[in-house]
Amino acid sequence: MKAKIKPTKEVQILGLDKRDINNIFWCAMSYRSDRLFWVDGYLLCIENCDDALSYEMEKGVFPVSQVCYIKFPKYAKYHEVEKGVQIPIVNVSDMKLYREIVNAIKDRETNMTEAERY
């Protein structure tokens, strides 16, 4: 047997939206996301395409159907959406894939025109 490491070559994000803090948490709960991801001051909600894994294995490109994000400076292990309803937050700052997604978001925010911001 041989183990082979084959890193993802590219992540393609099909939809990207900056959200309001209450909306991102409620949306994640209503879509039954089991966790959100925190990367260096950003909170991400990521929805993958159904066939993303097989597509990645075949093409080396990982398609993500939607990424919603907010600036969330302080990490917390969970957030209480409403009384008794909590969603876990995973610190993935040390994972290259998520760091690259946040770098793409920062790059886009820096290069947006005024019209694209609204």
PDB file of N, CA and C in Angstrom:
ATOM      1  N   MET A   1       0.848  -1.172   0.000  1.00  0.00           N
ATOM      2  CA  MET A   1       0.000   0.000   0.000  1.00  0.00           C
ATOM      3  C   MET A   1       0.895   1.238   0.000  1.00  0.00           C
ATOM      4  N   LYS A   2       0.424   2.274  -0.673  1.00  0.00           N
ATOM      5  CA  LYS A   2       1.172   3.519  -0.758  1.00  0.00           C
ATOM      6  C   LYS A   2       0.231   4.673  -0.431  1.00  0.00           C
ATOM      7  N   ALA A   3       0.665   5.554   0.446  1.00  0.00           N
ATOM      8  CA  ALA A   3      -0.117   6.755   0.759  1.00  0.00           C
ATOM      9  C   ALA A   3       0.372   7.881  -0.136  1.00  0.00           C
ATOM     10  N   LYS A   4      -0.560   8.606  -0.718  1.00  0.00           N
ATOM     11  CA  LYS A   4      -0.217   9.697  -1.623  1.00  0.00           C
ATOM     12  C   LYS A   4      -0.959  10.951  -1.193  1.00  0.00           C
ATOM     13  N   ILE A   5      -0.234  12.023  -1.077  1.00  0.00           N
ATOM     14  CA  ILE A   5      -0.845  13.311  -0.742  1.00  0.00           C
ATOM     15  C   ILE A   5      -1.055  14.075  -2.034  1.00  0.00           C
ATOM     16  N   LYS A   6      -2.304  14.454  -2.273  1.00  0.00           N
ATOM     17  CA  LYS A   6      -2.658  15.153  -3.505  1.00  0.00           C
ATOM     18  C   LYS A   6      -3.467  16.399  -3.126  1.00  0.00           C
ATOM     19  N   PRO A   7      -2.777  17.508  -2.844  1.00  0.00           N
ATOM     20  CA  PRO A   7      -3.479  18.708  -2.381  1.00  0.00           C
ATOM     21  C   PRO A   7      -4.413  19.296  -3.440  1.00  0.00           C
ATOM     22  N   THR A   8      -5.430  19.973  -2.975  1.00  0.00           N
ATOM     23  CA  THR A   8      -6.348  20.676  -3.853  1.00  0.00           C
ATOM     24  C   THR A   8      -5.585  21.775  -4.576  1.00  0.00           C
ATOM     25  N   LYS A   9      -5.762  21.853  -5.880  1.00  0.00           N
ATOM     26  CA  LYS A   9      -5.064  22.861  -6.682  1.00  0.00           C
ATOM     27  C   LYS A   9      -5.754  24.216  -6.619  1.00  0.00           C
ATOM     28  N   GLU A  10      -7.087  24.181  -6.514  1.00  0.00           N
ATOM     29  CA  GLU A  10      -7.850  25.421  -6.601  1.00  0.00           C
ATOM     30  C   GLU A  10      -9.206  25.245  -5.931  1.00  0.00           C
ATOM     31  N   VAL A  11      -9.687  26.317  -5.327  1.00  0.00           N
ATOM     32  CA  VAL A  11     -11.044  26.361  -4.781  1.00  0.00           C
ATOM     33  C   VAL A  11     -11.817  27.380  -5.613  1.00  0.00           C
ATOM     34  N   GLN A  12     -12.951  26.976  -6.144  1.00  0.00           N
ATOM     35  CA  GLN A  12     -13.800  27.889  -6.900  1.00  0.00           C
ATOM     36  C   GLN A  12     -15.043  28.182  -6.089  1.00  0.00           C
ATOM     37  N   ILE A  13     -15.212  29.442  -5.725  1.00  0.00           N
ATOM     38  CA  ILE A  13     -16.365  29.874  -4.933  1.00  0.00           C
ATOM     39  C   ILE A  13     -17.377  30.480  -5.889  1.00  0.00           C
ATOM     40  N   LEU A  14     -18.542  29.867  -5.957  1.00  0.00           N
ATOM     41  CA  LEU A  14     -19.557  30.288  -6.917  1.00  0.00           C
ATOM     42  C   LEU A  14     -20.400  31.448  -6.401  1.00  0.00           C
ATOM     43  N   GLY A  15     -20.568  31.552  -5.082  1.00  0.00           N
ATOM     44  CA  GLY A  15     -21.324  32.648  -4.491  1.00  0.00           C
ATOM     45  C   GLY A  15     -20.632  33.133  -3.234  1.00  0.00           C
ATOM     46  N   LEU A  16     -20.523  34.455  -3.080  1.00  0.00           N
ATOM     47  CA  LEU A  16     -19.848  35.043  -1.918  1.00  0.00           C
ATOM     48  C   LEU A  16     -20.644  36.235  -1.443  1.00  0.00           C
ATOM     49  N   ASP A  17     -21.026  36.223  -0.156  1.00  0.00           N
ATOM     50  CA  ASP A  17     -21.803  37.328   0.398  1.00  0.00           C
ATOM     51  C   ASP A  17     -21.340  37.678   1.800  1.00  0.00           C
ATOM     52  N   LYS A  18     -21.187  38.975   2.048  1.00  0.00           N
ATOM     53  CA  LYS A  18     -20.955  39.464   3.403  1.00  0.00           C
ATOM     54  C   LYS A  18     -22.329  39.599   4.044  1.00  0.00           C
ATOM     55  N   ARG A  19     -22.475  39.087   5.262  1.00  0.00           N
ATOM     56  CA  ARG A  19     -23.786  39.056   5.908  1.00  0.00           C
ATOM     57  C   ARG A  19     -23.785  39.853   7.200  1.00  0.00           C
ATOM     58  N   ASP A  20     -24.943  40.142   7.694  1.00  0.00           N
ATOM     59  CA  ASP A  20     -25.145  40.713   9.010  1.00  0.00           C
ATOM     60  C   ASP A  20     -24.939  39.600  10.037  1.00  0.00           C
ATOM     61  N   ILE A  21     -24.438  39.932  11.210  1.00  0.00           N
ATOM     62  CA  ILE A  21     -24.123  38.917  12.218  1.00  0.00           C
ATOM     63  C   ILE A  21     -25.328  38.045  12.580  1.00  0.00           C
ATOM     64  N   ASN A  22     -26.477  38.651  12.786  1.00  0.00           N
ATOM     65  CA  ASN A  22     -27.666  37.860  13.139  1.00  0.00           C
ATOM     66  C   ASN A  22     -28.116  36.981  11.979  1.00  0.00           C
ATOM     67  N   ASN A  23     -28.020  37.496  10.775  1.00  0.00           N
ATOM     68  CA  ASN A  23     -28.458  36.735   9.605  1.00  0.00           C
ATOM     69  C   ASN A  23     -27.572  35.524   9.332  1.00  0.00           C
ATOM     70  N   ILE A  24     -26.265  35.668   9.505  1.00  0.00           N
ATOM     71  CA  ILE A  24     -25.388  34.535   9.211  1.00  0.00           C
ATOM     72  C   ILE A  24     -25.628  33.385  10.191  1.00  0.00           C
ATOM     73  N   PHE A  25     -25.841  33.718  11.469  1.00  0.00           N
ATOM     74  CA  PHE A  25     -26.088  32.661  12.451  1.00  0.00           C
ATOM     75  C   PHE A  25     -27.456  32.016  12.234  1.00  0.00           C
ATOM     76  N   TRP A  26     -28.476  32.822  12.008  1.00  0.00           N
ATOM     77  CA  TRP A  26     -29.807  32.259  11.809  1.00  0.00           C
ATOM     78  C   TRP A  26     -29.863  31.438  10.523  1.00  0.00           C
ATOM     79  N   CYS A  27     -29.235  31.929   9.468  1.00  0.00           N
ATOM     80  CA  CYS A  27     -29.205  31.191   8.207  1.00  0.00           C
ATOM     81  C   CYS A  27     -28.505  29.843   8.395  1.00  0.00           C
ATOM     82  N   ALA A  28     -27.383  29.858   9.085  1.00  0.00           N
ATOM     83  CA  ALA A  28     -26.653  28.602   9.331  1.00  0.00           C
ATOM     84  C   ALA A  28     -27.515  27.611  10.099  1.00  0.00           C
ATOM     85  N   MET A  29     -28.229  28.087  11.100  1.00  0.00           N
ATOM     86  CA  MET A  29     -29.092  27.194  11.891  1.00  0.00           C
ATOM     87  C   MET A  29     -30.266  26.688  11.053  1.00  0.00           C
ATOM     88  N   SER A  30     -30.876  27.555  10.274  1.00  0.00           N
ATOM     89  CA  SER A  30     -32.052  27.145   9.510  1.00  0.00           C
ATOM     90  C   SER A  30     -31.685  26.184   8.375  1.00  0.00           C
ATOM     91  N   TYR A  31     -30.459  26.279   7.873  1.00  0.00           N
ATOM     92  CA  TYR A  31     -30.002  25.338   6.848  1.00  0.00           C
ATOM     93  C   TYR A  31     -29.325  24.121   7.451  1.00  0.00           C
ATOM     94  N   ARG A  32     -29.375  24.016   8.761  1.00  0.00           N
ATOM     95  CA  ARG A  32     -28.829  22.885   9.507  1.00  0.00           C
ATOM     96  C   ARG A  32     -27.322  22.690   9.309  1.00  0.00           C
ATOM     97  N   SER A  33     -26.612  23.830   9.180  1.00  0.00           N
ATOM     98  CA  SER A  33     -25.147  23.744   9.166  1.00  0.00           C
ATOM     99  C   SER A  33     -24.728  23.267  10.543  1.00  0.00           C
ATOM    100  N   ASP A  34     -23.808  22.334  10.592  1.00  0.00           N
ATOM    101  CA  ASP A  34     -23.428  21.796  11.895  1.00  0.00           C
ATOM    102  C   ASP A  34     -22.306  22.585  12.559  1.00  0.00           C
ATOM    103  N   ARG A  35     -21.712  23.557  11.814  1.00  0.00           N
ATOM    104  CA  ARG A  35     -20.668  24.391  12.407  1.00  0.00           C
ATOM    105  C   ARG A  35     -20.322  25.535  11.460  1.00  0.00           C
ATOM    106  N   LEU A  36     -19.712  26.562  12.023  1.00  0.00           N
ATOM    107  CA  LEU A  36     -19.153  27.658  11.250  1.00  0.00           C
ATOM    108  C   LEU A  36     -17.638  27.617  11.428  1.00  0.00           C
ATOM    109  N   PHE A  37     -16.928  28.304  10.566  1.00  0.00           N
ATOM    110  CA  PHE A  37     -15.475  28.265  10.584  1.00  0.00           C
ATOM    111  C   PHE A  37     -14.915  29.647  10.863  1.00  0.00           C
ATOM    112  N   TRP A  38     -13.945  29.726  11.788  1.00  0.00           N
ATOM    113  CA  TRP A  38     -13.294  30.990  12.133  1.00  0.00           C
ATOM    114  C   TRP A  38     -11.860  30.955  11.629  1.00  0.00           C
ATOM    115  N   VAL A  39     -11.489  32.015  10.898  1.00  0.00           N
ATOM    116  CA  VAL A  39     -10.138  32.132  10.350  1.00  0.00           C
ATOM    117  C   VAL A  39      -9.660  33.562  10.545  1.00  0.00           C
ATOM    118  N   ASP A  40      -8.709  33.751  11.423  1.00  0.00           N
ATOM    119  CA  ASP A  40      -8.043  35.053  11.588  1.00  0.00           C
ATOM    120  C   ASP A  40      -8.993  36.252  11.559  1.00  0.00           C
ATOM    121  N   GLY A  41     -10.037  36.197  12.345  1.00  0.00           N
ATOM    122  CA  GLY A  41     -10.948  37.338  12.458  1.00  0.00           C
ATOM    123  C   GLY A  41     -12.121  37.330  11.496  1.00  0.00           C
ATOM    124  N   TYR A  42     -12.288  36.259  10.736  1.00  0.00           N
ATOM    125  CA  TYR A  42     -13.434  36.122   9.832  1.00  0.00           C
ATOM    126  C   TYR A  42     -14.193  34.865  10.208  1.00  0.00           C
ATOM    127  N   LEU A  43     -15.505  34.941  10.130  1.00  0.00           N
ATOM    128  CA  LEU A  43     -16.366  33.795  10.369  1.00  0.00           C
ATOM    129  C   LEU A  43     -16.992  33.401   9.035  1.00  0.00           C
ATOM    130  N   LEU A  44     -16.886  32.122   8.693  1.00  0.00           N
ATOM    131  CA  LEU A  44     -17.354  31.621   7.406  1.00  0.00           C
ATOM    132  C   LEU A  44     -18.450  30.587   7.579  1.00  0.00           C
ATOM    133  N   CYS A  45     -19.450  30.684   6.747  1.00  0.00           N
ATOM    134  CA  CYS A  45     -20.450  29.634   6.600  1.00  0.00           C
ATOM    135  C   CYS A  45     -20.284  29.133   5.170  1.00  0.00           C
ATOM    136  N   ILE A  46     -19.967  27.866   5.025  1.00  0.00           N
ATOM    137  CA  ILE A  46     -19.629  27.313   3.713  1.00  0.00           C
ATOM    138  C   ILE A  46     -20.619  26.222   3.336  1.00  0.00           C
ATOM    139  N   GLU A  47     -21.201  26.370   2.147  1.00  0.00           N
ATOM    140  CA  GLU A  47     -22.117  25.364   1.616  1.00  0.00           C
ATOM    141  C   GLU A  47     -21.450  24.733   0.398  1.00  0.00           C
ATOM    142  N   ASN A  48     -21.217  23.447   0.474  1.00  0.00           N
ATOM    143  CA  ASN A  48     -20.557  22.731  -0.613  1.00  0.00           C
ATOM    144  C   ASN A  48     -21.569  22.170  -1.595  1.00  0.00           C
ATOM    145  N   CYS A  49     -21.136  22.037  -2.835  1.00  0.00           N
ATOM    146  CA  CYS A  49     -21.930  21.358  -3.855  1.00  0.00           C
ATOM    147  C   CYS A  49     -22.037  19.883  -3.480  1.00  0.00           C
ATOM    148  N   ASP A  50     -23.099  19.237  -3.864  1.00  0.00           N
ATOM    149  CA  ASP A  50     -23.293  17.825  -3.537  1.00  0.00           C
ATOM    150  C   ASP A  50     -22.177  16.930  -4.088  1.00  0.00           C
ATOM    151  N   ASP A  51     -21.728  17.204  -5.290  1.00  0.00           N
ATOM    152  CA  ASP A  51     -20.723  16.358  -5.931  1.00  0.00           C
ATOM    153  C   ASP A  51     -19.317  16.950  -5.826  1.00  0.00           C
ATOM    154  N   ALA A  52     -19.085  17.831  -4.856  1.00  0.00           N
ATOM    155  CA  ALA A  52     -17.812  18.548  -4.751  1.00  0.00           C
ATOM    156  C   ALA A  52     -16.622  17.614  -4.580  1.00  0.00           C
ATOM    157  N   LEU A  53     -16.755  16.598  -3.738  1.00  0.00           N
ATOM    158  CA  LEU A  53     -15.625  15.707  -3.476  1.00  0.00           C
ATOM    159  C   LEU A  53     -15.227  14.914  -4.720  1.00  0.00           C
ATOM    160  N   SER A  54     -16.203  14.367  -5.416  1.00  0.00           N
ATOM    161  CA  SER A  54     -15.873  13.594  -6.614  1.00  0.00           C
ATOM    162  C   SER A  54     -15.308  14.508  -7.706  1.00  0.00           C
ATOM    163  N   TYR A  55     -15.828  15.731  -7.806  1.00  0.00           N
ATOM    164  CA  TYR A  55     -15.310  16.686  -8.787  1.00  0.00           C
ATOM    165  C   TYR A  55     -13.868  17.059  -8.454  1.00  0.00           C
ATOM    166  N   GLU A  56     -13.595  17.267  -7.166  1.00  0.00           N
ATOM    167  CA  GLU A  56     -12.234  17.594  -6.735  1.00  0.00           C
ATOM    168  C   GLU A  56     -11.277  16.448  -7.048  1.00  0.00           C
ATOM    169  N   MET A  57     -11.698  15.233  -6.786  1.00  0.00           N
ATOM    170  CA  MET A  57     -10.839  14.079  -7.047  1.00  0.00           C
ATOM    171  C   MET A  57     -10.546  13.943  -8.542  1.00  0.00           C
ATOM    172  N   GLU A  58     -11.539  14.247  -9.351  1.00  0.00           N
ATOM    173  CA  GLU A  58     -11.379  14.114 -10.798  1.00  0.00           C
ATOM    174  C   GLU A  58     -10.577  15.262 -11.404  1.00  0.00           C
ATOM    175  N   LYS A  59     -10.894  16.505 -11.000  1.00  0.00           N
ATOM    176  CA  LYS A  59     -10.319  17.682 -11.652  1.00  0.00           C
ATOM    177  C   LYS A  59      -9.247  18.403 -10.823  1.00  0.00           C
ATOM    178  N   GLY A  60      -9.190  18.129  -9.513  1.00  0.00           N
ATOM    179  CA  GLY A  60      -8.249  18.854  -8.656  1.00  0.00           C
ATOM    180  C   GLY A  60      -8.741  20.233  -8.275  1.00  0.00           C
ATOM    181  N   VAL A  61      -9.996  20.526  -8.581  1.00  0.00           N
ATOM    182  CA  VAL A  61     -10.618  21.819  -8.274  1.00  0.00           C
ATOM    183  C   VAL A  61     -11.782  21.550  -7.333  1.00  0.00           C
ATOM    184  N   PHE A  62     -11.814  22.274  -6.208  1.00  0.00           N
ATOM    185  CA  PHE A  62     -12.874  22.082  -5.215  1.00  0.00           C
ATOM    186  C   PHE A  62     -13.929  23.168  -5.381  1.00  0.00           C
ATOM    187  N   PRO A  63     -15.132  22.828  -5.866  1.00  0.00           N
ATOM    188  CA  PRO A  63     -16.184  23.827  -6.025  1.00  0.00           C
ATOM    189  C   PRO A  63     -16.968  24.028  -4.719  1.00  0.00           C
ATOM    190  N   VAL A  64     -17.171  25.273  -4.373  1.00  0.00           N
ATOM    191  CA  VAL A  64     -17.970  25.633  -3.201  1.00  0.00           C
ATOM    192  C   VAL A  64     -19.144  26.451  -3.712  1.00  0.00           C
ATOM    193  N   SER A  65     -20.357  26.021  -3.404  1.00  0.00           N
ATOM    194  CA  SER A  65     -21.515  26.715  -3.962  1.00  0.00           C
ATOM    195  C   SER A  65     -21.754  28.079  -3.318  1.00  0.00           C
ATOM    196  N   GLN A  66     -21.496  28.222  -2.016  1.00  0.00           N
ATOM    197  CA  GLN A  66     -21.765  29.506  -1.358  1.00  0.00           C
ATOM    198  C   GLN A  66     -20.872  29.673  -0.135  1.00  0.00           C
ATOM    199  N   VAL A  67     -20.294  30.860   0.009  1.00  0.00           N
ATOM    200  CA  VAL A  67     -19.584  31.253   1.221  1.00  0.00           C
ATOM    201  C   VAL A  67     -20.207  32.556   1.697  1.00  0.00           C
ATOM    202  N   CYS A  68     -20.688  32.541   2.925  1.00  0.00           N
ATOM    203  CA  CYS A  68     -21.148  33.756   3.585  1.00  0.00           C
ATOM    204  C   CYS A  68     -20.143  34.057   4.694  1.00  0.00           C
ATOM    205  N   TYR A  69     -19.902  35.347   4.953  1.00  0.00           N
ATOM    206  CA  TYR A  69     -18.879  35.692   5.927  1.00  0.00           C
ATOM    207  C   TYR A  69     -19.208  36.979   6.663  1.00  0.00           C
ATOM    208  N   ILE A  70     -18.594  37.124   7.820  1.00  0.00           N
ATOM    209  CA  ILE A  70     -18.613  38.365   8.580  1.00  0.00           C
ATOM    210  C   ILE A  70     -17.241  38.523   9.222  1.00  0.00           C
ATOM    211  N   LYS A  71     -16.912  39.750   9.550  1.00  0.00           N
ATOM    212  CA  LYS A  71     -15.719  39.976  10.355  1.00  0.00           C
ATOM    213  C   LYS A  71     -16.115  39.651  11.790  1.00  0.00           C
ATOM    214  N   PHE A  72     -15.339  38.820  12.437  1.00  0.00           N
ATOM    215  CA  PHE A  72     -15.646  38.302  13.765  1.00  0.00           C
ATOM    216  C   PHE A  72     -14.319  38.230  14.515  1.00  0.00           C
ATOM    217  N   PRO A  73     -13.888  39.366  15.067  1.00  0.00           N
ATOM    218  CA  PRO A  73     -12.519  39.484  15.574  1.00  0.00           C
ATOM    219  C   PRO A  73     -12.120  38.485  16.652  1.00  0.00           C
ATOM    220  N   LYS A  74     -13.020  38.140  17.547  1.00  0.00           N
ATOM    221  CA  LYS A  74     -12.650  37.290  18.674  1.00  0.00           C
ATOM    222  C   LYS A  74     -13.238  35.888  18.511  1.00  0.00           C
ATOM    223  N   TYR A  75     -12.365  34.888  18.574  1.00  0.00           N
ATOM    224  CA  TYR A  75     -12.815  33.507  18.447  1.00  0.00           C
ATOM    225  C   TYR A  75     -13.589  33.065  19.686  1.00  0.00           C
ATOM    226  N   ALA A  76     -14.638  32.307  19.469  1.00  0.00           N
ATOM    227  CA  ALA A  76     -15.416  31.658  20.530  1.00  0.00           C
ATOM    228  C   ALA A  76     -15.749  30.252  20.035  1.00  0.00           C
ATOM    229  N   LYS A  77     -15.817  29.290  20.946  1.00  0.00           N
ATOM    230  CA  LYS A  77     -16.075  27.898  20.547  1.00  0.00           C
ATOM    231  C   LYS A  77     -17.503  27.670  20.070  1.00  0.00           C
ATOM    232  N   TYR A  78     -18.411  28.540  20.462  1.00  0.00           N
ATOM    233  CA  TYR A  78     -19.791  28.439  19.994  1.00  0.00           C
ATOM    234  C   TYR A  78     -20.440  29.808  20.105  1.00  0.00           C
ATOM    235  N   HIS A  79     -21.590  29.938  19.465  1.00  0.00           N
ATOM    236  CA  HIS A  79     -22.372  31.172  19.545  1.00  0.00           C
ATOM    237  C   HIS A  79     -23.817  30.780  19.838  1.00  0.00           C
ATOM    238  N   GLU A  80     -24.411  31.467  20.786  1.00  0.00           N
ATOM    239  CA  GLU A  80     -25.810  31.205  21.110  1.00  0.00           C
ATOM    240  C   GLU A  80     -26.687  32.028  20.176  1.00  0.00           C
ATOM    241  N   VAL A  81     -27.380  31.351  19.273  1.00  0.00           N
ATOM    242  CA  VAL A  81     -28.224  32.001  18.285  1.00  0.00           C
ATOM    243  C   VAL A  81     -29.469  32.562  18.961  1.00  0.00           C
ATOM    244  N   GLU A  82     -30.061  31.772  19.800  1.00  0.00           N
ATOM    245  CA  GLU A  82     -31.149  32.201  20.687  1.00  0.00           C
ATOM    246  C   GLU A  82     -31.109  31.279  21.891  1.00  0.00           C
ATOM    247  N   LYS A  83     -31.873  31.589  22.893  1.00  0.00           N
ATOM    248  CA  LYS A  83     -31.792  30.825  24.132  1.00  0.00           C
ATOM    249  C   LYS A  83     -31.925  29.321  23.873  1.00  0.00           C
ATOM    250  N   GLY A  84     -30.874  28.589  24.246  1.00  0.00           N
ATOM    251  CA  GLY A  84     -30.875  27.141  24.098  1.00  0.00           C
ATOM    252  C   GLY A  84     -30.440  26.631  22.729  1.00  0.00           C
ATOM    253  N   VAL A  85     -30.185  27.531  21.790  1.00  0.00           N
ATOM    254  CA  VAL A  85     -29.767  27.122  20.445  1.00  0.00           C
ATOM    255  C   VAL A  85     -28.364  27.665  20.191  1.00  0.00           C
ATOM    256  N   GLN A  86     -27.404  26.745  20.117  1.00  0.00           N
ATOM    257  CA  GLN A  86     -26.012  27.131  19.912  1.00  0.00           C
ATOM    258  C   GLN A  86     -25.472  26.489  18.647  1.00  0.00           C
ATOM    259  N   ILE A  87     -24.530  27.187  18.026  1.00  0.00           N
ATOM    260  CA  ILE A  87     -23.843  26.614  16.869  1.00  0.00           C
ATOM    261  C   ILE A  87     -22.344  26.623  17.153  1.00  0.00           C
ATOM    262  N   PRO A  88     -21.675  25.504  16.943  1.00  0.00           N
ATOM    263  CA  PRO A  88     -20.230  25.442  17.180  1.00  0.00           C
ATOM    264  C   PRO A  88     -19.461  26.269  16.140  1.00  0.00           C
ATOM    265  N   ILE A  89     -18.332  26.796  16.578  1.00  0.00           N
ATOM    266  CA  ILE A  89     -17.425  27.526  15.696  1.00  0.00           C
ATOM    267  C   ILE A  89     -16.063  26.843  15.806  1.00  0.00           C
ATOM    268  N   VAL A  90     -15.528  26.455  14.681  1.00  0.00           N
ATOM    269  CA  VAL A  90     -14.257  25.737  14.646  1.00  0.00           C
ATOM    270  C   VAL A  90     -13.158  26.704  14.195  1.00  0.00           C
ATOM    271  N   ASN A  91     -12.077  26.785  14.970  1.00  0.00           N
ATOM    272  CA  ASN A  91     -10.936  27.605  14.596  1.00  0.00           C
ATOM    273  C   ASN A  91     -10.107  26.812  13.583  1.00  0.00           C
ATOM    274  N   VAL A  92     -10.131  27.266  12.329  1.00  0.00           N
ATOM    275  CA  VAL A  92      -9.394  26.589  11.265  1.00  0.00           C
ATOM    276  C   VAL A  92      -8.276  27.482  10.705  1.00  0.00           C
ATOM    277  N   SER A  93      -7.826  28.419  11.528  1.00  0.00           N
ATOM    278  CA  SER A  93      -6.793  29.370  11.092  1.00  0.00           C
ATOM    279  C   SER A  93      -5.503  28.693  10.677  1.00  0.00           C
ATOM    280  N   ASP A  94      -5.271  27.488  11.142  1.00  0.00           N
ATOM    281  CA  ASP A  94      -4.032  26.787  10.803  1.00  0.00           C
ATOM    282  C   ASP A  94      -4.200  25.840   9.612  1.00  0.00           C
ATOM    283  N   MET A  95      -5.317  25.972   8.898  1.00  0.00           N
ATOM    284  CA  MET A  95      -5.569  25.102   7.737  1.00  0.00           C
ATOM    285  C   MET A  95      -5.495  25.921   6.443  1.00  0.00           C
ATOM    286  N   LYS A  96      -4.645  25.473   5.547  1.00  0.00           N
ATOM    287  CA  LYS A  96      -4.347  26.224   4.327  1.00  0.00           C
ATOM    288  C   LYS A  96      -5.594  26.515   3.483  1.00  0.00           C
ATOM    289  N   LEU A  97      -6.459  25.545   3.295  1.00  0.00           N
ATOM    290  CA  LEU A  97      -7.637  25.728   2.453  1.00  0.00           C
ATOM    291  C   LEU A  97      -8.481  26.912   2.941  1.00  0.00           C
ATOM    292  N   TYR A  98      -8.739  26.966   4.241  1.00  0.00           N
ATOM    293  CA  TYR A  98      -9.575  28.041   4.797  1.00  0.00           C
ATOM    294  C   TYR A  98      -8.834  29.380   4.792  1.00  0.00           C
ATOM    295  N   ARG A  99      -7.527  29.368   5.036  1.00  0.00           N
ATOM    296  CA  ARG A  99      -6.745  30.607   4.965  1.00  0.00           C
ATOM    297  C   ARG A  99      -6.797  31.184   3.554  1.00  0.00           C
ATOM    298  N   GLU A 100      -6.731  30.316   2.556  1.00  0.00           N
ATOM    299  CA  GLU A 100      -6.785  30.781   1.168  1.00  0.00           C
ATOM    300  C   GLU A 100      -8.153  31.370   0.832  1.00  0.00           C
ATOM    301  N   ILE A 101      -9.211  30.797   1.370  1.00  0.00           N
ATOM    302  CA  ILE A 101     -10.550  31.365   1.153  1.00  0.00           C
ATOM    303  C   ILE A 101     -10.624  32.766   1.757  1.00  0.00           C
ATOM    304  N   VAL A 102     -10.128  32.932   2.978  1.00  0.00           N
ATOM    305  CA  VAL A 102     -10.148  34.254   3.619  1.00  0.00           C
ATOM    306  C   VAL A 102      -9.248  35.231   2.857  1.00  0.00           C
ATOM    307  N   ASN A 103      -8.107  34.774   2.375  1.00  0.00           N
ATOM    308  CA  ASN A 103      -7.242  35.655   1.579  1.00  0.00           C
ATOM    309  C   ASN A 103      -7.966  36.144   0.324  1.00  0.00           C
ATOM    310  N   ALA A 104      -8.737  35.268  -0.316  1.00  0.00           N
ATOM    311  CA  ALA A 104      -9.511  35.659  -1.502  1.00  0.00           C
ATOM    312  C   ALA A 104     -10.592  36.683  -1.124  1.00  0.00           C
ATOM    313  N   ILE A 105     -11.219  36.501   0.042  1.00  0.00           N
ATOM    314  CA  ILE A 105     -12.229  37.455   0.508  1.00  0.00           C
ATOM    315  C   ILE A 105     -11.578  38.821   0.760  1.00  0.00           C
ATOM    316  N   LYS A 106     -10.462  38.835   1.472  1.00  0.00           N
ATOM    317  CA  LYS A 106      -9.762  40.097   1.753  1.00  0.00           C
ATOM    318  C   LYS A 106      -9.343  40.782   0.459  1.00  0.00           C
ATOM    319  N   ASP A 107      -8.850  40.003  -0.482  1.00  0.00           N
ATOM    320  CA  ASP A 107      -8.431  40.536  -1.772  1.00  0.00           C
ATOM    321  C   ASP A 107      -9.617  41.177  -2.498  1.00  0.00           C
ATOM    322  N   ARG A 108     -10.726  40.485  -2.470  1.00  0.00           N
ATOM    323  CA  ARG A 108     -11.932  41.010  -3.136  1.00  0.00           C
ATOM    324  C   ARG A 108     -12.421  42.282  -2.459  1.00  0.00           C
ATOM    325  N   GLU A 109     -12.420  42.306  -1.120  1.00  0.00           N
ATOM    326  CA  GLU A 109     -12.848  43.507  -0.391  1.00  0.00           C
ATOM    327  C   GLU A 109     -11.943  44.697  -0.723  1.00  0.00           C
ATOM    328  N   THR A 110     -10.655  44.446  -0.839  1.00  0.00           N
ATOM    329  CA  THR A 110      -9.693  45.507  -1.140  1.00  0.00           C
ATOM    330  C   THR A 110      -9.899  46.058  -2.546  1.00  0.00           C
ATOM    331  N   ASN A 111     -10.253  45.193  -3.479  1.00  0.00           N
ATOM    332  CA  ASN A 111     -10.339  45.596  -4.889  1.00  0.00           C
ATOM    333  C   ASN A 111     -11.747  45.889  -5.381  1.00  0.00           C
ATOM    334  N   MET A 112     -12.729  45.905  -4.481  1.00  0.00           N
ATOM    335  CA  MET A 112     -14.111  46.186  -4.884  1.00  0.00           C
ATOM    336  C   MET A 112     -14.282  47.654  -5.260  1.00  0.00           C
ATOM    337  N   THR A 113     -15.112  47.891  -6.254  1.00  0.00           N
ATOM    338  CA  THR A 113     -15.490  49.259  -6.575  1.00  0.00           C
ATOM    339  C   THR A 113     -16.586  49.684  -5.598  1.00  0.00           C
ATOM    340  N   GLU A 114     -16.871  50.949  -5.525  1.00  0.00           N
ATOM    341  CA  GLU A 114     -17.900  51.473  -4.617  1.00  0.00           C
ATOM    342  C   GLU A 114     -19.271  50.870  -4.972  1.00  0.00           C
ATOM    343  N   ALA A 115     -19.561  50.710  -6.243  1.00  0.00           N
ATOM    344  CA  ALA A 115     -20.848  50.143  -6.671  1.00  0.00           C
ATOM    345  C   ALA A 115     -20.998  48.696  -6.238  1.00  0.00           C
ATOM    346  N   GLU A 116     -19.914  47.924  -6.230  1.00  0.00           N
ATOM    347  CA  GLU A 116     -19.980  46.516  -5.854  1.00  0.00           C
ATOM    348  C   GLU A 116     -20.199  46.333  -4.353  1.00  0.00           C
ATOM    349  N   ARG A 117     -19.906  47.331  -3.561  1.00  0.00           N
ATOM    350  CA  ARG A 117     -20.055  47.219  -2.092  1.00  0.00           C
ATOM    351  C   ARG A 117     -21.528  47.228  -1.671  1.00  0.00           C
ATOM    352  N   TYR A 118     -22.413  47.674  -2.527  1.00  0.00           N
ATOM    353  CA  TYR A 118     -23.831  47.788  -2.138  1.00  0.00           C
ATOM    354  C   TYR A 118     -24.729  46.999  -3.000  1.00  0.00           C
TER     355      TYR A 118
END
